[in-house]
């Protein structure tokens, strides 16, 4: 389980540098590293960003250093079950919150929600929009959360 958690955290860290939207979309190419680089992070800029940004964005960006910290600790032989739970749980929670808000937005617009039959169509459409980075981050988060729940043998 430790090796799987190591790979999951590595996938989350690497996703920082990968495109999160499919390259088939015109103008796509959101890469989280571009956002971090645009901040030109010094201490004052980071403090201002954290206080002025929505909590969800700050939590999203926090998953990257948390995954990197877990990766480093695991490589040196000190995997932290709590850190795996926090990192995977935070990222999984962000995905859940996003899905919940999307569902509420669809309901507020009066559009029909996907049924069991059209869930496959929805998943197919989603896979056409999401890039490698989003898949790596979300998949790594779920695996890291599960690894944290299962624990690590010594």
C-alpha atoms as a PDB file:
ATOM      1  CA  UNK A   1       0.000   0.000   0.000  1.00  0.00           C
ATOM      2  CA  UNK A   2       2.946   2.291   0.668  1.00  0.00           C
ATOM      3  CA  UNK A   3       4.171   1.987  -2.937  1.00  0.00           C
ATOM      4  CA  UNK A   4       0.691   2.721  -4.264  1.00  0.00           C
ATOM      5  CA  UNK A   5       0.425   5.791  -2.026  1.00  0.00           C
ATOM      6  CA  UNK A   6       3.851   6.901  -3.225  1.00  0.00           C
ATOM      7  CA  UNK A   7       2.733   6.668  -6.855  1.00  0.00           C
ATOM      8  CA  UNK A   8      -0.545   8.446  -6.074  1.00  0.00           C
ATOM      9  CA  UNK A   9       1.199  11.374  -4.415  1.00  0.00           C
ATOM     10  CA  UNK A  10       3.691  11.533  -7.289  1.00  0.00           C
ATOM     11  CA  UNK A  11       0.778  11.669  -9.749  1.00  0.00           C
ATOM     12  CA  UNK A  12      -0.749  14.558  -7.804  1.00  0.00           C
ATOM     13  CA  UNK A  13       2.537  16.484  -7.811  1.00  0.00           C
ATOM     14  CA  UNK A  14       3.202  15.849 -11.507  1.00  0.00           C
ATOM     15  CA  UNK A  15      -0.341  16.962 -12.367  1.00  0.00           C
ATOM     16  CA  UNK A  16       0.709  20.468 -11.331  1.00  0.00           C
ATOM     17  CA  UNK A  17       2.654  20.659 -14.601  1.00  0.00           C
ATOM     18  CA  UNK A  18       0.181  18.869 -16.891  1.00  0.00           C
ATOM     19  CA  UNK A  19      -2.743  20.379 -18.836  1.00  0.00           C
ATOM     20  CA  UNK A  20      -6.081  20.010 -17.057  1.00  0.00           C
ATOM     21  CA  UNK A  21      -8.243  20.556 -20.108  1.00  0.00           C
ATOM     22  CA  UNK A  22      -8.225  18.495 -23.268  1.00  0.00           C
ATOM     23  CA  UNK A  23      -6.054  19.934 -25.995  1.00  0.00           C
ATOM     24  CA  UNK A  24      -8.932  19.415 -28.426  1.00  0.00           C
ATOM     25  CA  UNK A  25     -10.659  22.444 -26.905  1.00  0.00           C
ATOM     26  CA  UNK A  26      -9.724  25.767 -28.506  1.00  0.00           C
ATOM     27  CA  UNK A  27      -7.940  28.055 -26.052  1.00  0.00           C
ATOM     28  CA  UNK A  28      -7.645  25.246 -23.525  1.00  0.00           C
ATOM     29  CA  UNK A  29      -4.560  24.470 -21.590  1.00  0.00           C
ATOM     30  CA  UNK A  30      -5.104  25.391 -17.978  1.00  0.00           C
ATOM     31  CA  UNK A  31      -1.986  24.264 -16.143  1.00  0.00           C
ATOM     32  CA  UNK A  32      -1.955  24.962 -12.364  1.00  0.00           C
ATOM     33  CA  UNK A  33       1.763  25.763 -12.491  1.00  0.00           C
ATOM     34  CA  UNK A  34       0.952  28.749 -14.737  1.00  0.00           C
ATOM     35  CA  UNK A  35      -1.274  30.128 -11.960  1.00  0.00           C
ATOM     36  CA  UNK A  36       1.443  29.644  -9.348  1.00  0.00           C
ATOM     37  CA  UNK A  37       4.072  31.193 -11.612  1.00  0.00           C
ATOM     38  CA  UNK A  38       1.803  34.167 -12.410  1.00  0.00           C
ATOM     39  CA  UNK A  39       1.624  34.958  -8.706  1.00  0.00           C
ATOM     40  CA  UNK A  40       5.385  35.557  -8.696  1.00  0.00           C
ATOM     41  CA  UNK A  41       5.287  34.111  -5.192  1.00  0.00           C
ATOM     42  CA  UNK A  42       7.017  36.028  -2.487  1.00  0.00           C
ATOM     43  CA  UNK A  43       5.778  36.060   1.099  1.00  0.00           C
ATOM     44  CA  UNK A  44       3.588  39.168   0.768  1.00  0.00           C
ATOM     45  CA  UNK A  45       2.021  38.011  -2.487  1.00  0.00           C
ATOM     46  CA  UNK A  46       1.212  34.595  -1.047  1.00  0.00           C
ATOM     47  CA  UNK A  47      -0.292  36.126   2.100  1.00  0.00           C
ATOM     48  CA  UNK A  48      -2.442  38.511   0.057  1.00  0.00           C
ATOM     49  CA  UNK A  49      -3.491  35.704  -2.302  1.00  0.00           C
ATOM     50  CA  UNK A  50      -4.521  33.446   0.586  1.00  0.00           C
ATOM     51  CA  UNK A  51      -6.581  36.147   2.292  1.00  0.00           C
ATOM     52  CA  UNK A  52      -8.274  37.421  -0.880  1.00  0.00           C
ATOM     53  CA  UNK A  53      -8.908  34.149  -2.746  1.00  0.00           C
ATOM     54  CA  UNK A  54     -11.823  31.778  -2.272  1.00  0.00           C
ATOM     55  CA  UNK A  55     -11.117  29.020   0.213  1.00  0.00           C
ATOM     56  CA  UNK A  56     -11.685  26.340  -2.410  1.00  0.00           C
ATOM     57  CA  UNK A  57      -8.889  27.722  -4.600  1.00  0.00           C
ATOM     58  CA  UNK A  58      -6.482  27.926  -1.670  1.00  0.00           C
ATOM     59  CA  UNK A  59      -7.398  24.370  -0.633  1.00  0.00           C
ATOM     60  CA  UNK A  60      -6.905  23.168  -4.215  1.00  0.00           C
ATOM     61  CA  UNK A  61      -3.453  24.720  -4.427  1.00  0.00           C
ATOM     62  CA  UNK A  62      -2.573  23.384  -0.951  1.00  0.00           C
ATOM     63  CA  UNK A  63      -3.039  19.810  -2.153  1.00  0.00           C
ATOM     64  CA  UNK A  64       0.130  20.074  -4.257  1.00  0.00           C
ATOM     65  CA  UNK A  65       2.608  20.884  -1.452  1.00  0.00           C
ATOM     66  CA  UNK A  66       0.812  18.409   0.823  1.00  0.00           C
ATOM     67  CA  UNK A  67       1.228  15.671  -1.783  1.00  0.00           C
ATOM     68  CA  UNK A  68       4.885  16.672  -2.247  1.00  0.00           C
ATOM     69  CA  UNK A  69       5.463  16.531   1.511  1.00  0.00           C
ATOM     70  CA  UNK A  70       3.885  13.076   1.673  1.00  0.00           C
ATOM     71  CA  UNK A  71       6.034  11.971  -1.262  1.00  0.00           C
ATOM     72  CA  UNK A  72       9.255  13.149   0.391  1.00  0.00           C
ATOM     73  CA  UNK A  73       8.358  11.632   3.766  1.00  0.00           C
ATOM     74  CA  UNK A  74       7.479   8.320   2.137  1.00  0.00           C
ATOM     75  CA  UNK A  75      10.706   8.214   0.132  1.00  0.00           C
ATOM     76  CA  UNK A  76      12.758   8.701   3.315  1.00  0.00           C
ATOM     77  CA  UNK A  77      10.773   5.943   5.038  1.00  0.00           C
ATOM     78  CA  UNK A  78       8.370   7.991   7.143  1.00  0.00           C
ATOM     79  CA  UNK A  79       4.948   7.669   5.499  1.00  0.00           C
ATOM     80  CA  UNK A  80       2.272   9.544   7.415  1.00  0.00           C
ATOM     81  CA  UNK A  81      -1.179   8.034   7.450  1.00  0.00           C
ATOM     82  CA  UNK A  82      -2.661  11.319   8.678  1.00  0.00           C
ATOM     83  CA  UNK A  83      -0.993  13.276   5.884  1.00  0.00           C
ATOM     84  CA  UNK A  84      -2.303  10.775   3.323  1.00  0.00           C
ATOM     85  CA  UNK A  85      -5.812  11.142   4.737  1.00  0.00           C
ATOM     86  CA  UNK A  86      -5.645  14.938   4.799  1.00  0.00           C
ATOM     87  CA  UNK A  87      -4.178  15.272   1.306  1.00  0.00           C
ATOM     88  CA  UNK A  88      -6.420  12.695  -0.349  1.00  0.00           C
ATOM     89  CA  UNK A  89      -9.474  13.778   1.629  1.00  0.00           C
ATOM     90  CA  UNK A  90      -8.980  17.458   0.844  1.00  0.00           C
ATOM     91  CA  UNK A  91      -8.646  16.831  -2.889  1.00  0.00           C
ATOM     92  CA  UNK A  92     -11.534  14.351  -2.945  1.00  0.00           C
ATOM     93  CA  UNK A  93     -13.651  16.822  -0.995  1.00  0.00           C
ATOM     94  CA  UNK A  94     -12.876  19.560  -3.507  1.00  0.00           C
ATOM     95  CA  UNK A  95     -14.037  17.286  -6.333  1.00  0.00           C
ATOM     96  CA  UNK A  96     -17.194  16.413  -4.393  1.00  0.00           C
ATOM     97  CA  UNK A  97     -17.914  20.075  -3.675  1.00  0.00           C
ATOM     98  CA  UNK A  98     -17.442  20.926  -7.347  1.00  0.00           C
ATOM     99  CA  UNK A  99     -19.824  18.170  -8.416  1.00  0.00           C
ATOM    100  CA  UNK A 100     -22.376  19.262  -5.805  1.00  0.00           C
ATOM    101  CA  UNK A 101     -22.226  22.884  -6.960  1.00  0.00           C
ATOM    102  CA  UNK A 102     -22.518  21.823 -10.596  1.00  0.00           C
ATOM    103  CA  UNK A 103     -25.589  19.769  -9.691  1.00  0.00           C
ATOM    104  CA  UNK A 104     -27.146  22.740  -7.891  1.00  0.00           C
ATOM    105  CA  UNK A 105     -26.400  24.988 -10.872  1.00  0.00           C
ATOM    106  CA  UNK A 106     -28.097  22.558 -13.239  1.00  0.00           C
ATOM    107  CA  UNK A 107     -31.139  22.392 -10.958  1.00  0.00           C
ATOM    108  CA  UNK A 108     -31.298  26.191 -10.622  1.00  0.00           C
ATOM    109  CA  UNK A 109     -31.344  26.485 -14.407  1.00  0.00           C
ATOM    110  CA  UNK A 110     -34.153  23.952 -14.594  1.00  0.00           C
ATOM    111  CA  UNK A 111     -32.157  21.534 -16.721  1.00  0.00           C
ATOM    112  CA  UNK A 112     -32.654  17.795 -16.339  1.00  0.00           C
ATOM    113  CA  UNK A 113     -30.126  15.916 -14.212  1.00  0.00           C
ATOM    114  CA  UNK A 114     -28.407  12.912 -15.790  1.00  0.00           C
ATOM    115  CA  UNK A 115     -30.153   9.630 -15.134  1.00  0.00           C
ATOM    116  CA  UNK A 116     -28.518   6.223 -14.825  1.00  0.00           C
ATOM    117  CA  UNK A 117     -28.809   5.766 -18.573  1.00  0.00           C
ATOM    118  CA  UNK A 118     -27.194   9.080 -19.439  1.00  0.00           C
ATOM    119  CA  UNK A 119     -24.466   8.875 -16.787  1.00  0.00           C
ATOM    120  CA  UNK A 120     -22.374   6.944 -19.271  1.00  0.00           C
ATOM    121  CA  UNK A 121     -22.848   9.732 -21.798  1.00  0.00           C
ATOM    122  CA  UNK A 122     -21.923  12.290 -19.137  1.00  0.00           C
ATOM    123  CA  UNK A 123     -18.753  10.361 -18.243  1.00  0.00           C
ATOM    124  CA  UNK A 124     -17.828  10.156 -21.917  1.00  0.00           C
ATOM    125  CA  UNK A 125     -18.359  13.892 -22.391  1.00  0.00           C
ATOM    126  CA  UNK A 126     -16.332  14.618 -19.256  1.00  0.00           C
ATOM    127  CA  UNK A 127     -13.447  12.501 -20.501  1.00  0.00           C
ATOM    128  CA  UNK A 128     -13.381  14.558 -23.698  1.00  0.00           C
ATOM    129  CA  UNK A 129     -12.954  17.765 -21.668  1.00  0.00           C
ATOM    130  CA  UNK A 130     -10.603  16.704 -18.865  1.00  0.00           C
ATOM    131  CA  UNK A 131      -6.885  16.612 -19.564  1.00  0.00           C
ATOM    132  CA  UNK A 132      -4.198  14.343 -18.171  1.00  0.00           C
ATOM    133  CA  UNK A 133      -3.490  16.590 -15.201  1.00  0.00           C
ATOM    134  CA  UNK A 134      -7.054  16.502 -13.897  1.00  0.00           C
ATOM    135  CA  UNK A 135      -7.198  12.715 -14.184  1.00  0.00           C
ATOM    136  CA  UNK A 136      -3.821  12.295 -12.464  1.00  0.00           C
ATOM    137  CA  UNK A 137      -4.761  14.655  -9.627  1.00  0.00           C
ATOM    138  CA  UNK A 138      -8.220  13.204  -9.006  1.00  0.00           C
ATOM    139  CA  UNK A 139      -7.077   9.591  -9.341  1.00  0.00           C
ATOM    140  CA  UNK A 140      -4.075  10.195  -7.109  1.00  0.00           C
ATOM    141  CA  UNK A 141      -6.292  11.849  -4.512  1.00  0.00           C
ATOM    142  CA  UNK A 142      -8.720   8.944  -4.323  1.00  0.00           C
ATOM    143  CA  UNK A 143      -5.914   6.374  -4.123  1.00  0.00           C
ATOM    144  CA  UNK A 144      -4.087   8.420  -1.477  1.00  0.00           C
ATOM    145  CA  UNK A 145      -7.266   8.727   0.567  1.00  0.00           C
ATOM    146  CA  UNK A 146      -7.863   4.974   0.369  1.00  0.00           C
ATOM    147  CA  UNK A 147      -4.228   4.272   1.261  1.00  0.00           C
ATOM    148  CA  UNK A 148      -4.557   6.547   4.273  1.00  0.00           C
ATOM    149  CA  UNK A 149      -7.685   4.714   5.357  1.00  0.00           C
ATOM    150  CA  UNK A 150      -6.024   1.303   4.926  1.00  0.00           C
ATOM    151  CA  UNK A 151      -2.770   2.339   6.599  1.00  0.00           C
ATOM    152  CA  UNK A 152       0.812   1.324   5.980  1.00  0.00           C
ATOM    153  CA  UNK A 153       2.596  -1.741   7.311  1.00  0.00           C
ATOM    154  CA  UNK A 154       5.967  -1.213   8.893  1.00  0.00           C
END
